[in-house]
Amino acid sequence: MASGKNTISVWVAMAVSLGAIIGAGIFVLSGTAIALAGSYAIIMFIVIGVVALMIALQLGELGSLMPKLKGASYSYAYRAFGSEMGFVTGIMLFFAYATEVSVISLGFGSYLASMLGLPLAVASIPFAILLIVALGLVNIMGIKKAASADSALVAIKIAILILFAVAGIALAFAHNSNPLANIAMGGGNLAGIFAASVVIFFAYAGFQAVSSFADRVKGGGRGAAKAIVYSVIISMVLYTVVCLTLMLLLPASSYKISGDPLSFALQGAHAPSWLFFAVDIGALIATASAALASLLYSSRLVYQIGSDGLLPKIARKYDRDKDVAVNGVIITSIIAIVMLFAGNIYIITAIANVGLFISFLMTSFALLHFRRKGAKPAFRAPLYPYLPIITIVALLILFAGLPKEALVFGMVVILSLLIIYYSLREVEKKKPVIVKLFR
């Protein structure tokens, strides 16, 4: 059971998870998904939401089994399969987290530039850098303060989303005699639907945030599991409603790859200035909230990998009073800033997804491993063993939607990590692990 001054309620934990999910998806990537998949984006938000829910249930079980671990999927892979797989999974997941901060911050920069009337190409990256630096300082203040602040922000941005949906639908029917024609299925080919699925999956990925501090959630692992599942269900409903509103406002063919889709839709539909301003403010709050949560669990992942002896001592600096991995925050912030220059928002998202796919694959394999070992978690995912098996198949299919830039990046990083791992083992004169796969 979690106890003490740093205890977080299930609702606050859910808010942290929602903060990570909602800002990345609804406000930043929904327009890109529509641009790639056309009207089929609505269906894909539901389909990928179901996949995310399946993963969330498995994370909930593993989190309830090992609530004191701060590394989420990395920790489960490390405990199930050892240091080699743990090292690769952990570093790939960390790069995904840090790149996630880049994507969300770029969305923040795009909305701020749009609201101020500045060119996105000029102003979005500088604004993103300022956000990363500012939220790094907020994280260093400590987990309790960061999580409590996120809880307040989530309530505000959900209200803004409801306002956008209600006002947007009213605006669509007021200015168009048949806005439902905009959502007639079409506008996306198979390749585009796969590509959109990658973007949409990233939009849900923030639910893993709670796994990094499950021991601080009231009710322990069971409470953390509830927070994860609730956040995915709520975000799925919000995603579907907002995606529908976007396409009622403008035809799917009008959208493009950008970081400010809600602002773009309102401009295109000639919305009143007060609505445009309110939604932009909500988008800034949402993206700041999401980046805050992403920095939080990314820094704790660095600490956990370092504590397991797979990173140098510099990664192990932890302020116990504030419950924050100080150097983890700094390292994450630096990498997030660098990744802002890796390409457009779609490419950066795809790069992040490589690590996410690998980590979630290992989550399903770890669940199978611990169930076979007779583990007795406080929360059990339903439909075992079908749930993890279906998840593994779904994630392998999603790999087909990754662009070649992301696949090449993933292959190079994984190969580099294996070379580094075995080089370090050789320096330490560690004996090779030899097993017989077939008898």
Protein backbone atom coordinates (compact mmCIF):
# COMPACT_ATOMS: atom_id res chain seq x y z
CA MET A 1 0.00 0.00 0.00
CA ALA A 2 1.22 3.48 -0.80
CA SER A 3 1.53 5.79 2.18
CA GLY A 4 3.28 8.95 3.34
CA LYS A 5 3.49 12.52 2.24
CA ASN A 6 4.06 11.66 -1.43
CA THR A 7 0.97 9.45 -1.76
CA ILE A 8 -1.09 10.18 -4.90
CA SER A 9 -4.79 9.34 -5.22
CA VAL A 10 -6.12 7.20 -8.06
CA TRP A 11 -7.76 10.29 -9.55
CA VAL A 12 -4.54 12.31 -9.51
CA ALA A 13 -2.67 9.36 -11.05
CA MET A 14 -5.36 9.12 -13.72
CA ALA A 15 -4.93 12.85 -14.34
CA VAL A 16 -1.19 12.37 -14.92
CA SER A 17 -1.97 9.61 -17.41
CA LEU A 18 -4.68 11.68 -19.12
CA GLY A 19 -2.30 14.62 -19.22
CA ALA A 20 0.21 12.52 -21.14
CA ILE A 21 -2.39 11.03 -23.49
CA ILE A 22 -4.68 13.92 -24.33
CA GLY A 23 -2.10 16.58 -25.11
CA ALA A 24 -0.18 14.41 -27.54
CA GLY A 25 -3.16 13.09 -29.44
CA ILE A 26 -6.18 15.33 -29.61
CA PHE A 27 -4.45 18.68 -29.77
CA VAL A 28 -1.32 17.77 -31.73
CA LEU A 29 -1.74 14.67 -33.90
CA SER A 30 -5.44 14.35 -34.74
CA GLY A 31 -5.11 16.48 -37.87
CA THR A 32 -2.11 14.48 -39.07
CA ALA A 33 -4.09 11.26 -38.61
CA ILE A 34 -6.95 12.67 -40.72
CA ALA A 35 -4.49 13.89 -43.36
CA LEU A 36 -3.08 10.37 -43.68
CA ALA A 37 -6.21 8.20 -43.33
CA GLY A 38 -8.97 10.52 -44.47
CA SER A 39 -12.36 9.82 -42.91
CA TYR A 40 -11.16 6.38 -41.80
CA ALA A 41 -9.31 8.18 -38.98
CA ILE A 42 -12.46 7.99 -36.86
CA ILE A 43 -12.52 4.19 -37.10
CA MET A 44 -8.79 3.96 -36.44
CA PHE A 45 -9.05 6.05 -33.28
CA ILE A 46 -11.45 3.42 -31.94
CA VAL A 47 -9.44 0.41 -33.19
CA ILE A 48 -6.12 1.68 -31.84
CA GLY A 49 -7.88 2.73 -28.65
CA VAL A 50 -8.88 -0.92 -28.13
CA VAL A 51 -5.26 -2.00 -28.68
CA ALA A 52 -4.13 0.64 -26.18
CA LEU A 53 -6.69 -0.63 -23.67
CA MET A 54 -5.35 -4.18 -24.06
CA ILE A 55 -1.83 -2.95 -23.35
CA ALA A 56 -3.09 -0.84 -20.43
CA LEU A 57 -4.68 -3.91 -18.82
CA GLN A 58 -1.38 -5.79 -19.07
CA LEU A 59 0.59 -2.86 -17.67
CA GLY A 60 -1.93 -2.71 -14.85
CA GLU A 61 -1.30 -6.34 -13.93
CA LEU A 62 2.48 -6.05 -14.10
CA GLY A 63 2.37 -2.78 -12.17
CA SER A 64 0.32 -4.41 -9.42
CA LEU A 65 2.81 -7.30 -9.32
CA MET A 66 5.88 -5.01 -9.09
CA PRO A 67 4.59 -1.61 -7.88
CA LYS A 68 7.93 -0.31 -6.58
CA LEU A 69 9.65 -0.47 -9.97
CA LYS A 70 9.88 2.90 -11.72
CA GLY A 71 10.79 1.75 -15.23
CA ALA A 72 7.43 0.48 -16.52
CA SER A 73 7.90 -1.82 -19.55
CA TYR A 74 11.68 -1.73 -19.17
CA SER A 75 11.53 -3.03 -15.60
CA TYR A 76 9.18 -5.84 -16.56
CA ALA A 77 11.43 -6.91 -19.45
CA TYR A 78 14.50 -6.69 -17.21
CA ARG A 79 12.95 -8.82 -14.47
CA ALA A 80 11.53 -11.34 -16.92
CA PHE A 81 14.38 -11.78 -19.41
CA GLY A 82 17.55 -10.34 -17.87
CA SER A 83 19.98 -7.50 -18.44
CA GLU A 84 20.51 -7.82 -22.22
CA MET A 85 16.85 -7.51 -23.17
CA GLY A 86 16.34 -5.06 -20.33
CA PHE A 87 19.14 -2.81 -21.56
CA VAL A 88 17.85 -2.71 -25.15
CA THR A 89 14.22 -2.25 -24.09
CA GLY A 90 15.09 0.39 -21.51
CA ILE A 91 17.19 2.60 -23.78
CA MET A 92 14.72 2.29 -26.67
CA LEU A 93 11.86 3.21 -24.34
CA PHE A 94 13.82 6.14 -22.94
CA PHE A 95 14.46 7.51 -26.44
CA ALA A 96 10.74 7.09 -27.15
CA TYR A 97 9.84 9.04 -24.01
CA ALA A 98 12.31 11.83 -24.70
CA THR A 99 11.15 12.06 -28.32
CA GLU A 100 7.57 12.12 -27.09
CA VAL A 101 8.45 15.28 -25.16
CA SER A 102 9.73 16.75 -28.45
CA VAL A 103 6.50 15.98 -30.33
CA ILE A 104 4.26 17.42 -27.64
CA SER A 105 6.44 20.50 -27.17
CA LEU A 106 6.43 21.09 -30.92
CA GLY A 107 2.64 21.07 -30.78
CA PHE A 108 2.79 23.64 -27.98
CA GLY A 109 5.10 25.80 -30.08
CA SER A 110 2.80 25.52 -33.11
CA TYR A 111 -0.29 26.62 -31.19
CA LEU A 112 1.53 29.49 -29.51
CA ALA A 113 2.94 30.69 -32.83
CA SER A 114 -0.52 30.45 -34.42
CA MET A 115 -2.14 32.39 -31.59
CA LEU A 116 0.50 35.14 -31.81
CA GLY A 117 0.27 35.29 -35.61
CA LEU A 118 3.89 34.18 -36.10
CA PRO A 119 5.14 31.82 -38.86
CA LEU A 120 5.15 28.24 -37.58
CA ALA A 121 8.40 27.43 -39.38
CA VAL A 122 10.18 30.22 -37.52
CA ALA A 123 8.62 30.27 -34.05
CA SER A 124 7.41 26.75 -33.19
CA ILE A 125 10.83 25.23 -32.34
CA PRO A 126 12.06 28.15 -30.14
CA PHE A 127 8.77 28.06 -28.22
CA ALA A 128 9.10 24.27 -27.85
CA ILE A 129 12.60 24.66 -26.40
CA LEU A 130 11.34 27.21 -23.88
CA LEU A 131 8.59 24.81 -22.77
CA ILE A 132 11.02 21.91 -22.30
CA VAL A 133 13.33 24.02 -20.15
CA ALA A 134 10.46 25.40 -18.06
CA LEU A 135 8.87 22.00 -17.44
CA GLY A 136 12.24 20.50 -16.60
CA LEU A 137 12.38 22.96 -13.70
CA VAL A 138 8.82 22.06 -12.66
CA ASN A 139 9.74 18.35 -12.58
CA ILE A 140 12.77 19.05 -10.44
CA MET A 141 10.37 20.52 -7.86
CA GLY A 142 9.17 16.97 -7.18
CA ILE A 143 6.62 14.29 -8.09
CA LYS A 144 3.88 15.45 -5.70
CA LYS A 145 3.89 19.05 -6.95
CA ALA A 146 4.22 18.04 -10.58
CA ALA A 147 1.38 15.51 -10.39
CA SER A 148 -0.90 17.86 -8.47
CA ALA A 149 -0.35 20.62 -11.01
CA ASP A 150 -1.14 18.20 -13.82
CA SER A 151 -4.38 17.19 -12.11
CA ALA A 152 -5.60 20.78 -12.15
CA LEU A 153 -4.58 21.26 -15.79
CA VAL A 154 -6.43 18.16 -16.94
CA ALA A 155 -9.75 19.43 -15.58
CA ILE A 156 -9.30 22.68 -17.50
CA LYS A 157 -8.38 21.10 -20.81
CA ILE A 158 -11.21 18.56 -20.73
CA ALA A 159 -13.58 21.49 -20.31
CA ILE A 160 -11.95 23.16 -23.33
CA LEU A 161 -12.37 19.99 -25.39
CA ILE A 162 -16.06 19.85 -24.52
CA LEU A 163 -16.37 23.50 -25.53
CA PHE A 164 -14.61 22.77 -28.84
CA ALA A 165 -16.87 19.81 -29.59
CA VAL A 166 -20.13 21.57 -28.72
CA ALA A 167 -19.27 24.89 -30.39
CA GLY A 168 -17.58 23.18 -33.34
CA ILE A 169 -20.56 20.95 -34.11
CA ALA A 170 -22.94 23.92 -33.80
CA LEU A 171 -20.69 25.97 -36.09
CA ALA A 172 -20.49 23.16 -38.64
CA PHE A 173 -24.27 22.80 -38.93
CA ALA A 174 -24.81 26.57 -38.93
CA HIS A 175 -22.45 27.19 -41.88
CA ASN A 176 -22.98 23.98 -43.87
CA SER A 177 -26.31 22.50 -44.88
CA ASN A 178 -24.86 18.98 -44.89
CA PRO A 179 -21.64 18.71 -42.81
CA LEU A 180 -22.19 14.97 -42.44
CA ALA A 181 -21.04 14.63 -46.05
CA ASN A 182 -17.54 15.51 -44.80
CA ILE A 183 -17.30 12.25 -42.86
CA ALA A 184 -18.38 9.89 -45.63
CA MET A 185 -15.82 7.10 -45.51
CA GLY A 186 -13.02 7.68 -47.97
CA GLY A 187 -9.95 9.77 -48.64
CA GLY A 188 -7.35 7.31 -47.39
CA ASN A 189 -5.60 4.34 -48.98
CA LEU A 190 -4.24 1.30 -47.11
CA ALA A 191 -0.76 2.79 -46.74
CA GLY A 192 -2.24 6.01 -45.38
CA ILE A 193 -4.41 4.13 -42.88
CA PHE A 194 -1.37 2.20 -41.63
CA ALA A 195 0.61 5.43 -41.35
CA ALA A 196 -2.25 7.07 -39.44
CA SER A 197 -2.40 4.09 -37.10
CA VAL A 198 1.19 4.77 -36.10
CA VAL A 199 0.34 8.38 -35.27
CA ILE A 200 -2.81 7.41 -33.39
CA PHE A 201 -0.97 4.77 -31.36
CA PHE A 202 1.52 7.39 -30.24
CA ALA A 203 -1.41 9.58 -29.22
CA TYR A 204 -2.52 6.94 -26.71
CA ALA A 205 0.94 5.98 -25.43
CA GLY A 206 1.03 8.30 -22.41
CA PHE A 207 -0.95 5.87 -20.24
CA GLN A 208 2.35 4.24 -19.24
CA ALA A 209 3.09 7.32 -17.12
CA VAL A 210 1.39 5.86 -14.04
CA SER A 211 3.52 2.71 -14.16
CA SER A 212 6.60 4.78 -13.30
CA PHE A 213 5.24 5.70 -9.85
CA ALA A 214 2.74 2.94 -9.08
CA ASP A 215 4.15 2.64 -5.57
CA ARG A 216 3.01 6.21 -4.83
CA VAL A 217 -0.62 5.62 -5.84
CA LYS A 218 -3.17 5.07 -3.09
CA GLY A 219 -4.14 1.43 -3.13
CA GLY A 220 -0.76 0.40 -4.54
CA GLY A 221 -0.63 -1.56 -7.78
CA ARG A 222 -4.38 -2.10 -7.92
CA GLY A 223 -4.97 1.66 -7.68
CA ALA A 224 -2.40 2.31 -10.41
CA ALA A 225 -4.05 -0.30 -12.64
CA LYS A 226 -7.41 1.44 -12.26
CA ALA A 227 -5.85 4.81 -13.12
CA ILE A 228 -4.31 3.41 -16.30
CA VAL A 229 -7.49 1.73 -17.54
CA TYR A 230 -9.74 4.70 -16.72
CA SER A 231 -7.46 7.13 -18.53
CA VAL A 232 -7.46 5.06 -21.74
CA ILE A 233 -11.25 4.70 -21.79
CA ILE A 234 -11.82 8.43 -21.20
CA SER A 235 -9.27 9.44 -23.83
CA MET A 236 -10.79 7.05 -26.38
CA VAL A 237 -14.18 8.76 -26.02
CA LEU A 238 -12.63 12.22 -26.25
CA TYR A 239 -10.52 11.28 -29.29
CA THR A 240 -13.52 9.98 -31.21
CA VAL A 241 -15.70 13.00 -30.46
CA VAL A 242 -13.00 15.54 -31.34
CA CYS A 243 -12.02 13.69 -34.54
CA LEU A 244 -15.68 13.70 -35.58
CA THR A 245 -15.91 17.45 -34.83
CA LEU A 246 -12.80 18.19 -36.89
CA MET A 247 -14.29 16.48 -39.93
CA LEU A 248 -17.66 18.17 -39.51
CA LEU A 249 -15.85 21.51 -39.58
CA LEU A 250 -13.71 20.74 -42.65
CA PRO A 251 -13.50 17.90 -45.18
CA ALA A 252 -10.82 15.30 -44.43
CA SER A 253 -8.93 16.35 -47.57
CA SER A 254 -8.35 19.81 -46.06
CA TYR A 255 -6.07 18.57 -43.27
CA LYS A 256 -2.29 18.41 -43.43
CA ILE A 257 0.62 17.21 -41.32
CA SER A 258 0.93 19.89 -38.66
CA GLY A 259 0.99 20.40 -34.89
CA ASP A 260 -2.07 22.66 -34.50
CA PRO A 261 -5.09 20.85 -36.06
CA LEU A 262 -7.80 22.35 -33.84
CA SER A 263 -6.61 25.88 -34.55
CA PHE A 264 -6.38 25.03 -38.27
CA ALA A 265 -9.95 23.69 -38.32
CA LEU A 266 -11.40 26.73 -36.55
CA GLN A 267 -9.57 29.09 -38.91
CA GLY A 268 -10.84 27.19 -41.92
CA ALA A 269 -14.40 27.24 -40.62
CA HIS A 270 -14.19 30.99 -39.83
CA ALA A 271 -14.93 30.47 -36.14
CA PRO A 272 -15.49 33.51 -33.92
CA SER A 273 -12.31 34.92 -32.38
CA TRP A 274 -13.37 34.08 -28.80
CA LEU A 275 -13.66 30.37 -29.66
CA PHE A 276 -10.35 30.39 -31.52
CA PHE A 277 -8.65 32.05 -28.54
CA ALA A 278 -10.24 29.73 -25.94
CA VAL A 279 -9.26 26.57 -27.82
CA ASP A 280 -5.72 27.82 -28.38
CA ILE A 281 -5.36 28.50 -24.66
CA GLY A 282 -6.70 25.00 -23.97
CA ALA A 283 -4.22 23.54 -26.45
CA LEU A 284 -1.33 25.30 -24.72
CA ILE A 285 -2.48 23.95 -21.36
CA ALA A 286 -2.96 20.45 -22.79
CA THR A 287 0.43 20.21 -24.44
CA ALA A 288 2.19 21.67 -21.40
CA SER A 289 0.41 19.10 -19.24
CA ALA A 290 1.38 16.22 -21.55
CA ALA A 291 5.01 17.30 -21.73
CA LEU A 292 5.07 17.60 -17.94
CA ALA A 293 3.91 14.01 -17.50
CA SER A 294 6.29 12.72 -20.19
CA LEU A 295 9.29 14.38 -18.57
CA LEU A 296 8.21 12.93 -15.25
CA TYR A 297 8.20 9.27 -16.21
CA SER A 298 11.12 9.59 -18.61
CA SER A 299 13.37 10.86 -15.82
CA ARG A 300 12.28 8.06 -13.52
CA LEU A 301 13.07 5.52 -16.23
CA VAL A 302 16.65 6.82 -16.45
CA TYR A 303 16.96 6.46 -12.69
CA GLN A 304 15.62 2.90 -12.74
CA ILE A 305 17.98 1.78 -15.51
CA GLY A 306 20.88 3.36 -13.63
CA SER A 307 19.82 1.71 -10.36
CA ASP A 308 19.89 -1.67 -12.08
CA GLY A 309 23.53 -1.02 -13.03
CA LEU A 310 22.89 -0.64 -16.77
CA LEU A 311 23.79 3.07 -16.89
CA PRO A 312 26.63 5.01 -15.23
CA LYS A 313 26.28 6.39 -11.69
CA ILE A 314 25.31 9.83 -13.01
CA ALA A 315 21.88 8.38 -13.85
CA ARG A 316 21.28 7.34 -10.22
CA LYS A 317 21.07 10.80 -8.67
CA TYR A 318 17.75 10.95 -6.87
CA ASP A 319 16.36 13.59 -4.53
CA ARG A 320 14.54 11.51 -1.93
CA ASP A 321 12.89 14.49 -0.26
CA LYS A 322 11.32 15.67 -3.50
CA ASP A 323 11.05 12.18 -5.03
CA VAL A 324 12.61 13.27 -8.32
CA ALA A 325 15.40 11.89 -10.54
CA VAL A 326 17.25 15.16 -11.08
CA ASN A 327 19.79 14.02 -13.66
CA GLY A 328 17.10 12.04 -15.44
CA VAL A 329 15.15 15.25 -15.95
CA ILE A 330 18.24 17.04 -17.29
CA ILE A 331 19.22 14.20 -19.65
CA THR A 332 15.66 13.88 -20.98
CA SER A 333 15.39 17.63 -21.58
CA ILE A 334 18.62 17.70 -23.58
CA ILE A 335 17.62 14.78 -25.81
CA ALA A 336 14.12 16.20 -26.28
CA ILE A 337 15.58 19.48 -27.52
CA VAL A 338 17.93 17.68 -29.94
CA MET A 339 15.09 15.54 -31.36
CA LEU A 340 13.13 18.66 -32.30
CA PHE A 341 15.43 18.87 -35.34
CA ALA A 342 14.92 15.25 -36.51
CA GLY A 343 12.21 16.09 -39.09
CA ASN A 344 8.57 17.09 -39.30
CA ILE A 345 6.14 16.12 -36.55
CA TYR A 346 5.15 12.86 -38.31
CA ILE A 347 8.74 11.63 -38.63
CA ILE A 348 9.55 12.53 -35.02
CA THR A 349 6.41 10.68 -33.91
CA ALA A 350 7.34 7.61 -35.95
CA ILE A 351 10.84 7.53 -34.44
CA ALA A 352 9.32 7.59 -30.96
CA ASN A 353 7.00 4.74 -31.90
CA VAL A 354 9.88 2.35 -32.60
CA GLY A 355 10.80 2.34 -28.94
CA LEU A 356 7.16 2.25 -27.85
CA PHE A 357 6.35 -0.77 -30.03
CA ILE A 358 9.36 -2.67 -28.72
CA SER A 359 8.59 -1.84 -25.10
CA PHE A 360 4.94 -2.86 -25.39
CA LEU A 361 5.88 -6.09 -27.17
CA MET A 362 8.13 -6.89 -24.23
CA THR A 363 5.28 -6.03 -21.85
CA SER A 364 3.10 -8.74 -23.39
CA PHE A 365 5.93 -11.27 -23.38
CA ALA A 366 6.71 -10.39 -19.75
CA LEU A 367 3.08 -10.97 -18.77
CA LEU A 368 3.18 -14.41 -20.39
CA HIS A 369 6.44 -15.12 -18.55
CA PHE A 370 5.23 -14.17 -15.08
CA ARG A 371 1.88 -15.93 -15.47
CA ARG A 372 3.74 -19.12 -16.45
CA LYS A 373 5.87 -18.70 -13.32
CA GLY A 374 2.74 -18.65 -11.16
CA ALA A 375 2.80 -14.96 -10.19
CA LYS A 376 -0.16 -13.66 -8.14
CA PRO A 377 -0.68 -9.95 -8.86
CA ALA A 378 -3.26 -7.81 -7.07
CA PHE A 379 -4.87 -7.03 -10.45
CA ARG A 380 -5.24 -9.61 -13.22
CA ALA A 381 -5.74 -8.72 -16.88
CA PRO A 382 -8.71 -10.60 -18.37
CA LEU A 383 -8.77 -13.10 -21.26
CA TYR A 384 -5.37 -14.61 -20.57
CA PRO A 385 -3.51 -15.85 -22.66
CA TYR A 386 -5.46 -14.46 -25.63
CA LEU A 387 -5.06 -10.82 -24.59
CA PRO A 388 -1.22 -10.72 -24.71
CA ILE A 389 -1.08 -12.87 -27.85
CA ILE A 390 -3.54 -10.64 -29.74
CA THR A 391 -1.58 -7.59 -28.56
CA ILE A 392 1.70 -9.01 -29.88
CA VAL A 393 0.13 -9.66 -33.29
CA ALA A 394 -1.42 -6.18 -33.40
CA LEU A 395 1.89 -4.48 -32.58
CA LEU A 396 3.74 -6.46 -35.25
CA ILE A 397 1.12 -5.35 -37.78
CA LEU A 398 1.58 -1.73 -36.70
CA PHE A 399 5.28 -1.97 -37.50
CA ALA A 400 4.21 -2.11 -41.16
CA GLY A 401 3.01 1.48 -40.90
CA LEU A 402 6.35 2.93 -39.82
CA PRO A 403 8.17 5.05 -42.42
CA LYS A 404 11.61 3.91 -43.53
CA GLU A 405 13.31 6.74 -41.62
CA ALA A 406 11.96 5.38 -38.34
CA LEU A 407 12.79 1.77 -39.20
CA VAL A 408 16.37 2.67 -40.13
CA PHE A 409 16.73 4.69 -36.94
CA GLY A 410 15.45 1.76 -34.89
CA MET A 411 17.75 -0.77 -36.55
CA VAL A 412 20.81 1.46 -36.10
CA VAL A 413 20.05 2.16 -32.44
CA ILE A 414 19.33 -1.48 -31.57
CA LEU A 415 22.51 -2.66 -33.30
CA SER A 416 24.51 0.06 -31.54
CA LEU A 417 23.03 -0.92 -28.16
CA LEU A 418 23.95 -4.58 -28.67
CA ILE A 419 27.51 -3.63 -29.60
CA ILE A 420 27.78 -1.37 -26.54
CA TYR A 421 26.28 -4.02 -24.25
CA TYR A 422 28.63 -6.81 -25.29
CA SER A 423 31.64 -4.49 -25.40
CA LEU A 424 30.97 -3.52 -21.78
CA ARG A 425 30.54 -7.16 -20.81
CA GLU A 426 33.89 -7.92 -22.43
CA VAL A 427 35.59 -5.07 -20.56
CA GLU A 428 34.15 -6.40 -17.30
CA LYS A 429 35.28 -9.92 -18.27
CA LYS A 430 31.79 -11.31 -17.81
CA LYS A 431 31.25 -14.92 -18.80
CA PRO A 432 28.93 -15.43 -21.79
CA VAL A 433 25.46 -16.82 -21.06
CA ILE A 434 25.04 -20.10 -22.95
CA VAL A 435 21.70 -21.91 -23.08
CA LYS A 436 20.27 -24.77 -25.13
CA LEU A 437 17.14 -23.68 -26.96
CA PHE A 438 16.36 -27.21 -28.17
CA ARG A 439 16.91 -30.48 -26.38
